[in-house]
Amino acid sequence: MLRTIAEDVWAYEKDFRMPVGYLPARATVVRRADGGIVLHSPLAFDDATAQAIDALGEVRAIVAPSRLHHVFVKAATERWPRASVLGAPGLEKKLSGVPFAPLPRSGAAPELGDELTVRLVEGVPYITEHVFLHARSRTLIVTDLLFNVHEVRSFGMKVFLWLGGAWKKTAQDHVWRVLVRDRAAAARSVADVLAWDFERIVVAHGDVIEGDAKDRARRALAWMGGGAAPLLPAT
């Protein structure tokens, strides 16, 4: 079922099955000023969850924010066929049969309303993650840019996250660093995001970060601006 994150921001959670175990995952629901609903990175949902979303307003937009967060978009479009779909570049094959408009590299999109601002994290072409700011509630919404996982249901997933440097702390998984191809571009993107006014981060994996969210994000992403190098050189 849905849980309230902030004013006009909700979420529902499901464990996502991977070869090493179950990863906690979260879909975010945002209500626009006109009452329309934006469904960000949808997960599997049952009728009760869909009805709870419908009770908030009409779903107007469904967002696939990266090349890795798209699996349940088709199911969402079947449930809400009148909704517009916005997706990250590179999803044309993965979303075959689902027409979608490209997410902007930065700024706003009419389908998202005036409340959501978008920024592509550049320099990581395999992921092409777009992050979002809900300005009114000062909420940053990310998928894989940051993890904040403190509990999992399988030992294999615990080991996987620990090896990736993302267990029981706010962190960027080492896999992200491996996939960075243009560190300077990634650093510019992250600097833009950190300049936004937010006090909360809704991550797709792990606990919502409250209060000191910006400081924790800055520390986790500091390697992009200096200090630690990427784990593998760019090719």
C-alpha atoms as a PDB file:
ATOM      1  CA  MET A   1       0.000   0.000   0.000  1.00  0.00           C
ATOM      2  CA  LEU A   2       0.946   3.639  -0.302  1.00  0.00           C
ATOM      3  CA  ARG A   3       2.694   5.520   2.449  1.00  0.00           C
ATOM      4  CA  THR A   4       2.977   9.274   2.734  1.00  0.00           C
ATOM      5  CA  ILE A   5       6.460  10.748   2.263  1.00  0.00           C
ATOM      6  CA  ALA A   6       5.637  14.470   2.175  1.00  0.00           C
ATOM      7  CA  GLU A   7       2.837  16.746   1.047  1.00  0.00           C
ATOM      8  CA  ASP A   8       1.723  15.437  -2.366  1.00  0.00           C
ATOM      9  CA  VAL A   9       4.437  12.760  -2.376  1.00  0.00           C
ATOM     10  CA  TRP A  10       3.757   9.073  -1.671  1.00  0.00           C
ATOM     11  CA  ALA A  11       5.519   5.772  -2.284  1.00  0.00           C
ATOM     12  CA  TYR A  12       4.975   2.045  -2.340  1.00  0.00           C
ATOM     13  CA  GLU A  13       7.649  -0.588  -1.846  1.00  0.00           C
ATOM     14  CA  LYS A  14       8.325  -4.070  -3.176  1.00  0.00           C
ATOM     15  CA  ASP A  15      11.358  -6.322  -3.057  1.00  0.00           C
ATOM     16  CA  PHE A  16      12.849  -6.750  -6.525  1.00  0.00           C
ATOM     17  CA  ARG A  17      14.246 -10.203  -7.235  1.00  0.00           C
ATOM     18  CA  MET A  18      17.827 -10.346  -8.522  1.00  0.00           C
ATOM     19  CA  PRO A  19      20.207 -13.308  -9.000  1.00  0.00           C
ATOM     20  CA  VAL A  20      21.869 -12.606  -5.630  1.00  0.00           C
ATOM     21  CA  GLY A  21      18.631 -12.106  -3.706  1.00  0.00           C
ATOM     22  CA  TYR A  22      15.931  -9.528  -3.091  1.00  0.00           C
ATOM     23  CA  LEU A  23      16.690  -5.805  -3.305  1.00  0.00           C
ATOM     24  CA  PRO A  24      14.318  -3.377  -1.549  1.00  0.00           C
ATOM     25  CA  ALA A  25      12.761  -1.079  -4.149  1.00  0.00           C
ATOM     26  CA  ARG A  26      10.456   1.910  -4.118  1.00  0.00           C
ATOM     27  CA  ALA A  27       8.126   3.598  -6.603  1.00  0.00           C
ATOM     28  CA  THR A  28       7.260   7.249  -6.030  1.00  0.00           C
ATOM     29  CA  VAL A  29       3.915   8.927  -6.634  1.00  0.00           C
ATOM     30  CA  VAL A  30       3.684  12.714  -6.988  1.00  0.00           C
ATOM     31  CA  ARG A  31       0.532  14.809  -7.283  1.00  0.00           C
ATOM     32  CA  ARG A  32       0.788  17.831  -9.554  1.00  0.00           C
ATOM     33  CA  ALA A  33      -0.792  21.158  -8.675  1.00  0.00           C
ATOM     34  CA  ASP A  34      -3.624  20.426 -11.129  1.00  0.00           C
ATOM     35  CA  GLY A  35      -4.381  17.148  -9.351  1.00  0.00           C
ATOM     36  CA  GLY A  36      -2.792  14.871 -11.931  1.00  0.00           C
ATOM     37  CA  ILE A  37      -0.557  12.046 -10.753  1.00  0.00           C
ATOM     38  CA  VAL A  38       3.006  11.303 -11.851  1.00  0.00           C
ATOM     39  CA  LEU A  39       4.100   7.694 -11.286  1.00  0.00           C
ATOM     40  CA  HIS A  40       7.894   7.539 -11.049  1.00  0.00           C
ATOM     41  CA  SER A  41       9.725   4.245 -11.640  1.00  0.00           C
ATOM     42  CA  PRO A  42       6.695   1.986 -11.138  1.00  0.00           C
ATOM     43  CA  LEU A  43       7.066  -1.396  -9.494  1.00  0.00           C
ATOM     44  CA  ALA A  44       4.736  -4.375  -9.602  1.00  0.00           C
ATOM     45  CA  PHE A  45       1.404  -3.401  -8.080  1.00  0.00           C
ATOM     46  CA  ASP A  46      -1.758  -5.162  -6.997  1.00  0.00           C
ATOM     47  CA  ASP A  47      -5.314  -3.900  -7.352  1.00  0.00           C
ATOM     48  CA  ALA A  48      -5.310  -2.391  -3.874  1.00  0.00           C
ATOM     49  CA  THR A  49      -2.216  -0.316  -4.635  1.00  0.00           C
ATOM     50  CA  ALA A  50      -3.579   0.787  -8.002  1.00  0.00           C
ATOM     51  CA  GLN A  51      -6.862   1.808  -6.391  1.00  0.00           C
ATOM     52  CA  ALA A  52      -4.992   3.770  -3.731  1.00  0.00           C
ATOM     53  CA  ILE A  53      -3.129   5.635  -6.480  1.00  0.00           C
ATOM     54  CA  ASP A  54      -6.391   6.278  -8.329  1.00  0.00           C
ATOM     55  CA  ALA A  55      -7.858   7.742  -5.153  1.00  0.00           C
ATOM     56  CA  LEU A  56      -5.170  10.441  -5.224  1.00  0.00           C
ATOM     57  CA  GLY A  57      -6.029  11.611  -8.728  1.00  0.00           C
ATOM     58  CA  GLU A  58      -5.836  10.628 -12.376  1.00  0.00           C
ATOM     59  CA  VAL A  59      -2.477   9.183 -13.429  1.00  0.00           C
ATOM     60  CA  ARG A  60      -1.275  11.584 -16.124  1.00  0.00           C
ATOM     61  CA  ALA A  61       2.376  10.579 -16.491  1.00  0.00           C
ATOM     62  CA  ILE A  62       4.459   7.428 -16.044  1.00  0.00           C
ATOM     63  CA  VAL A  63       8.225   7.874 -15.815  1.00  0.00           C
ATOM     64  CA  ALA A  64      11.030   5.434 -16.654  1.00  0.00           C
ATOM     65  CA  PRO A  65      13.878   7.516 -15.194  1.00  0.00           C
ATOM     66  CA  SER A  66      16.830   5.415 -16.361  1.00  0.00           C
ATOM     67  CA  ARG A  67      17.835   2.492 -18.531  1.00  0.00           C
ATOM     68  CA  LEU A  68      17.672   0.283 -15.435  1.00  0.00           C
ATOM     69  CA  HIS A  69      14.247   1.326 -14.102  1.00  0.00           C
ATOM     70  CA  HIS A  70      11.689   0.381 -16.715  1.00  0.00           C
ATOM     71  CA  VAL A  71      10.561  -3.198 -16.036  1.00  0.00           C
ATOM     72  CA  PHE A  72       7.015  -2.426 -14.877  1.00  0.00           C
ATOM     73  CA  VAL A  73       6.301   0.554 -17.130  1.00  0.00           C
ATOM     74  CA  LYS A  74       4.347  -1.545 -19.631  1.00  0.00           C
ATOM     75  CA  ALA A  75       2.114  -2.945 -16.884  1.00  0.00           C
ATOM     76  CA  ALA A  76       1.515   0.600 -15.654  1.00  0.00           C
ATOM     77  CA  THR A  77       0.509   1.767 -19.131  1.00  0.00           C
ATOM     78  CA  GLU A  78      -1.958  -1.109 -19.374  1.00  0.00           C
ATOM     79  CA  ARG A  79      -3.524  -0.051 -16.080  1.00  0.00           C
ATOM     80  CA  TRP A  80      -3.471   3.672 -16.973  1.00  0.00           C
ATOM     81  CA  PRO A  81      -3.610   3.797 -20.792  1.00  0.00           C
ATOM     82  CA  ARG A  82      -4.372   7.534 -20.935  1.00  0.00           C
ATOM     83  CA  ALA A  83      -1.156   8.477 -19.152  1.00  0.00           C
ATOM     84  CA  SER A  84       1.787   9.945 -21.046  1.00  0.00           C
ATOM     85  CA  VAL A  85       5.036   8.005 -20.783  1.00  0.00           C
ATOM     86  CA  LEU A  86       8.405   9.695 -20.410  1.00  0.00           C
ATOM     87  CA  GLY A  87      11.614   7.699 -20.587  1.00  0.00           C
ATOM     88  CA  ALA A  88      15.376   7.910 -20.510  1.00  0.00           C
ATOM     89  CA  PRO A  89      17.344   7.630 -23.759  1.00  0.00           C
ATOM     90  CA  GLY A  90      18.297   4.094 -24.682  1.00  0.00           C
ATOM     91  CA  LEU A  91      14.979   2.517 -23.706  1.00  0.00           C
ATOM     92  CA  GLU A  92      13.632   2.166 -27.230  1.00  0.00           C
ATOM     93  CA  LYS A  93      14.194  -1.609 -27.364  1.00  0.00           C
ATOM     94  CA  LYS A  94      13.372  -2.296 -23.731  1.00  0.00           C
ATOM     95  CA  LEU A  95      10.081  -0.402 -24.043  1.00  0.00           C
ATOM     96  CA  SER A  96       9.258  -1.807 -27.457  1.00  0.00           C
ATOM     97  CA  GLY A  97       5.583  -1.247 -28.162  1.00  0.00           C
ATOM     98  CA  VAL A  98       5.288   1.500 -25.549  1.00  0.00           C
ATOM     99  CA  PRO A  99       5.437   4.952 -27.157  1.00  0.00           C
ATOM    100  CA  PHE A 100       7.253   7.409 -24.921  1.00  0.00           C
ATOM    101  CA  ALA A 101       8.595  10.934 -25.017  1.00  0.00           C
ATOM    102  CA  PRO A 102      12.212  11.580 -24.024  1.00  0.00           C
ATOM    103  CA  LEU A 103      12.845  13.069 -20.623  1.00  0.00           C
ATOM    104  CA  PRO A 104      14.559  16.469 -20.811  1.00  0.00           C
ATOM    105  CA  ARG A 105      18.246  16.637 -19.986  1.00  0.00           C
ATOM    106  CA  SER A 106      17.413  19.391 -17.521  1.00  0.00           C
ATOM    107  CA  GLY A 107      14.512  21.626 -16.618  1.00  0.00           C
ATOM    108  CA  ALA A 108      10.827  20.811 -16.749  1.00  0.00           C
ATOM    109  CA  ALA A 109       8.430  18.827 -18.907  1.00  0.00           C
ATOM    110  CA  PRO A 110       4.746  19.700 -19.405  1.00  0.00           C
ATOM    111  CA  GLU A 111       3.690  16.157 -18.507  1.00  0.00           C
ATOM    112  CA  LEU A 112       5.322  16.496 -15.088  1.00  0.00           C
ATOM    113  CA  GLY A 113       3.699  19.797 -14.166  1.00  0.00           C
ATOM    114  CA  ASP A 114       5.486  22.790 -12.700  1.00  0.00           C
ATOM    115  CA  GLU A 115       6.416  20.990  -9.478  1.00  0.00           C
ATOM    116  CA  LEU A 116       9.053  18.603 -10.843  1.00  0.00           C
ATOM    117  CA  THR A 117      12.448  19.641 -12.183  1.00  0.00           C
ATOM    118  CA  VAL A 118      14.646  17.117 -13.986  1.00  0.00           C
ATOM    119  CA  ARG A 119      18.411  16.700 -14.339  1.00  0.00           C
ATOM    120  CA  LEU A 120      20.149  13.960 -16.314  1.00  0.00           C
ATOM    121  CA  VAL A 121      23.292  12.664 -14.635  1.00  0.00           C
ATOM    122  CA  GLU A 122      25.557  12.838 -17.646  1.00  0.00           C
ATOM    123  CA  GLY A 123      28.684  10.834 -18.304  1.00  0.00           C
ATOM    124  CA  VAL A 124      27.127   7.471 -17.408  1.00  0.00           C
ATOM    125  CA  PRO A 125      25.598   6.321 -20.709  1.00  0.00           C
ATOM    126  CA  TYR A 126      24.720   2.804 -19.593  1.00  0.00           C
ATOM    127  CA  ILE A 127      22.455   4.174 -16.853  1.00  0.00           C
ATOM    128  CA  THR A 128      21.250   7.593 -18.121  1.00  0.00           C
ATOM    129  CA  GLU A 129      19.628   8.309 -14.773  1.00  0.00           C
ATOM    130  CA  HIS A 130      17.414  11.365 -14.469  1.00  0.00           C
ATOM    131  CA  VAL A 131      16.898  12.745 -10.967  1.00  0.00           C
ATOM    132  CA  PHE A 132      13.935  14.867  -9.936  1.00  0.00           C
ATOM    133  CA  LEU A 133      13.252  17.689  -7.515  1.00  0.00           C
ATOM    134  CA  HIS A 134       9.783  18.213  -6.084  1.00  0.00           C
ATOM    135  CA  ALA A 135      10.363  21.809  -5.093  1.00  0.00           C
ATOM    136  CA  ARG A 136       7.279  22.370  -2.955  1.00  0.00           C
ATOM    137  CA  SER A 137       8.164  19.572  -0.533  1.00  0.00           C
ATOM    138  CA  ARG A 138      11.937  19.994  -1.016  1.00  0.00           C
ATOM    139  CA  THR A 139      12.201  16.338  -2.016  1.00  0.00           C
ATOM    140  CA  LEU A 140      14.896  14.878  -4.269  1.00  0.00           C
ATOM    141  CA  ILE A 141      13.908  11.652  -6.051  1.00  0.00           C
ATOM    142  CA  VAL A 142      16.629   9.274  -7.288  1.00  0.00           C
ATOM    143  CA  THR A 143      16.893   5.664  -8.385  1.00  0.00           C
ATOM    144  CA  ASP A 144      20.470   4.331  -8.421  1.00  0.00           C
ATOM    145  CA  LEU A 145      22.492   7.511  -7.894  1.00  0.00           C
ATOM    146  CA  LEU A 146      22.349   6.837  -4.146  1.00  0.00           C
ATOM    147  CA  PHE A 147      21.516   3.810  -2.002  1.00  0.00           C
ATOM    148  CA  ASN A 148      20.500   3.845   1.656  1.00  0.00           C
ATOM    149  CA  VAL A 149      19.864   0.172   2.416  1.00  0.00           C
ATOM    150  CA  HIS A 150      19.928  -0.985   6.042  1.00  0.00           C
ATOM    151  CA  GLU A 151      17.794  -4.134   5.896  1.00  0.00           C
ATOM    152  CA  VAL A 152      17.417  -6.935   3.354  1.00  0.00           C
ATOM    153  CA  ARG A 153      15.715 -10.314   3.454  1.00  0.00           C
ATOM    154  CA  SER A 154      18.516 -12.408   1.924  1.00  0.00           C
ATOM    155  CA  PHE A 155      22.134 -12.973   2.889  1.00  0.00           C
ATOM    156  CA  GLY A 156      23.271 -12.900  -0.738  1.00  0.00           C
ATOM    157  CA  MET A 157      21.947  -9.373  -1.197  1.00  0.00           C
ATOM    158  CA  LYS A 158      23.634  -8.251   2.018  1.00  0.00           C
ATOM    159  CA  VAL A 159      26.987  -9.514   0.710  1.00  0.00           C
ATOM    160  CA  PHE A 160      26.366  -7.932  -2.696  1.00  0.00           C
ATOM    161  CA  LEU A 161      25.673  -4.517  -1.165  1.00  0.00           C
ATOM    162  CA  TRP A 162      28.599  -4.802   1.249  1.00  0.00           C
ATOM    163  CA  LEU A 163      30.983  -5.605  -1.598  1.00  0.00           C
ATOM    164  CA  GLY A 164      29.556  -2.652  -3.515  1.00  0.00           C
ATOM    165  CA  GLY A 165      30.151  -0.260  -0.628  1.00  0.00           C
ATOM    166  CA  ALA A 166      26.450   0.422  -0.193  1.00  0.00           C
ATOM    167  CA  TRP A 167      25.465  -1.523   2.917  1.00  0.00           C
ATOM    168  CA  LYS A 168      24.014   0.272   5.954  1.00  0.00           C
ATOM    169  CA  LYS A 169      24.978   3.768   4.823  1.00  0.00           C
ATOM    170  CA  THR A 170      24.094   6.454   2.322  1.00  0.00           C
ATOM    171  CA  ALA A 171      26.387   5.611  -0.563  1.00  0.00           C
ATOM    172  CA  GLN A 172      26.858   5.250  -4.260  1.00  0.00           C
ATOM    173  CA  ASP A 173      27.298   1.641  -5.284  1.00  0.00           C
ATOM    174  CA  HIS A 174      30.704   0.803  -6.760  1.00  0.00           C
ATOM    175  CA  VAL A 175      28.980  -0.410  -9.918  1.00  0.00           C
ATOM    176  CA  TRP A 176      28.081   3.207 -10.688  1.00  0.00           C
ATOM    177  CA  ARG A 177      31.730   4.249 -10.518  1.00  0.00           C
ATOM    178  CA  VAL A 178      32.690   1.424 -12.861  1.00  0.00           C
ATOM    179  CA  LEU A 179      30.150   2.673 -15.395  1.00  0.00           C
ATOM    180  CA  VAL A 180      31.184   6.351 -15.388  1.00  0.00           C
ATOM    181  CA  ARG A 181      32.704   7.253 -18.745  1.00  0.00           C
ATOM    182  CA  ASP A 182      32.975  11.033 -18.416  1.00  0.00           C
ATOM    183  CA  ARG A 183      33.746  11.992 -14.843  1.00  0.00           C
ATOM    184  CA  ALA A 184      33.755  15.732 -15.551  1.00  0.00           C
ATOM    185  CA  ALA A 185      30.264  15.588 -17.066  1.00  0.00           C
ATOM    186  CA  ALA A 186      29.011  13.508 -14.155  1.00  0.00           C
ATOM    187  CA  ALA A 187      30.546  15.989 -11.714  1.00  0.00           C
ATOM    188  CA  ARG A 188      28.820  18.933 -13.405  1.00  0.00           C
ATOM    189  CA  SER A 189      25.491  17.135 -13.263  1.00  0.00           C
ATOM    190  CA  VAL A 190      25.863  16.281  -9.584  1.00  0.00           C
ATOM    191  CA  ALA A 191      26.915  19.853  -8.784  1.00  0.00           C
ATOM    192  CA  ASP A 192      23.682  21.068 -10.365  1.00  0.00           C
ATOM    193  CA  VAL A 193      21.671  18.591  -8.307  1.00  0.00           C
ATOM    194  CA  LEU A 194      23.413  19.533  -5.053  1.00  0.00           C
ATOM    195  CA  ALA A 195      22.628  23.183  -5.769  1.00  0.00           C
ATOM    196  CA  TRP A 196      18.916  22.404  -5.563  1.00  0.00           C
ATOM    197  CA  ASP A 197      17.045  23.171  -2.363  1.00  0.00           C
ATOM    198  CA  PHE A 198      16.111  19.832  -0.799  1.00  0.00           C
ATOM    199  CA  GLU A 199      15.901  18.398   2.693  1.00  0.00           C
ATOM    200  CA  ARG A 200      14.785  14.872   1.844  1.00  0.00           C
ATOM    201  CA  ILE A 201      15.884  12.181  -0.607  1.00  0.00           C
ATOM    202  CA  VAL A 202      13.536   9.460  -1.777  1.00  0.00           C
ATOM    203  CA  VAL A 203      15.837   6.682  -2.945  1.00  0.00           C
ATOM    204  CA  ALA A 204      14.622   3.722  -4.964  1.00  0.00           C
ATOM    205  CA  HIS A 205      16.632   1.364  -2.765  1.00  0.00           C
ATOM    206  CA  GLY A 206      16.645   1.747   1.001  1.00  0.00           C
ATOM    207  CA  ASP A 207      15.306   4.144   3.595  1.00  0.00           C
ATOM    208  CA  VAL A 208      14.111   7.648   2.760  1.00  0.00           C
ATOM    209  CA  ILE A 209      16.765  10.162   3.870  1.00  0.00           C
ATOM    210  CA  GLU A 210      15.469  13.012   6.020  1.00  0.00           C
ATOM    211  CA  GLY A 211      16.964  16.115   7.613  1.00  0.00           C
ATOM    212  CA  ASP A 212      20.663  15.989   6.741  1.00  0.00           C
ATOM    213  CA  ALA A 213      19.928  14.672   3.259  1.00  0.00           C
ATOM    214  CA  LYS A 214      22.039  17.180   1.354  1.00  0.00           C
ATOM    215  CA  ASP A 215      25.118  16.643   3.532  1.00  0.00           C
ATOM    216  CA  ARG A 216      24.822  12.887   3.170  1.00  0.00           C
ATOM    217  CA  ALA A 217      24.432  13.169  -0.590  1.00  0.00           C
ATOM    218  CA  ARG A 218      27.409  15.502  -0.821  1.00  0.00           C
ATOM    219  CA  ARG A 219      29.623  13.092   1.099  1.00  0.00           C
ATOM    220  CA  ALA A 220      28.499  10.067  -0.903  1.00  0.00           C
ATOM    221  CA  LEU A 221      29.109  11.818  -4.224  1.00  0.00           C
ATOM    222  CA  ALA A 222      32.284  13.690  -3.273  1.00  0.00           C
ATOM    223  CA  TRP A 223      34.492  11.389  -5.356  1.00  0.00           C
ATOM    224  CA  MET A 224      33.095  12.917  -8.543  1.00  0.00           C
ATOM    225  CA  GLY A 225      34.489  16.334  -7.717  1.00  0.00           C
ATOM    226  CA  GLY A 226      37.829  15.192  -6.363  1.00  0.00           C
ATOM    227  CA  GLY A 227      39.445  12.731  -4.046  1.00  0.00           C
ATOM    228  CA  ALA A 228      38.837   9.120  -4.942  1.00  0.00           C
ATOM    229  CA  ALA A 229      39.189   8.140  -8.573  1.00  0.00           C
ATOM    230  CA  PRO A 230      36.724   5.964 -10.470  1.00  0.00           C
ATOM    231  CA  LEU A 231      37.245   2.277  -9.809  1.00  0.00           C
ATOM    232  CA  LEU A 232      38.048   1.669 -13.476  1.00  0.00           C
ATOM    233  CA  PRO A 233      39.494   4.135 -16.003  1.00  0.00           C
ATOM    234  CA  ALA A 234      37.225   5.553 -18.662  1.00  0.00           C
ATOM    235  CA  THR A 235      37.497   3.877 -22.051  1.00  0.00           C
END
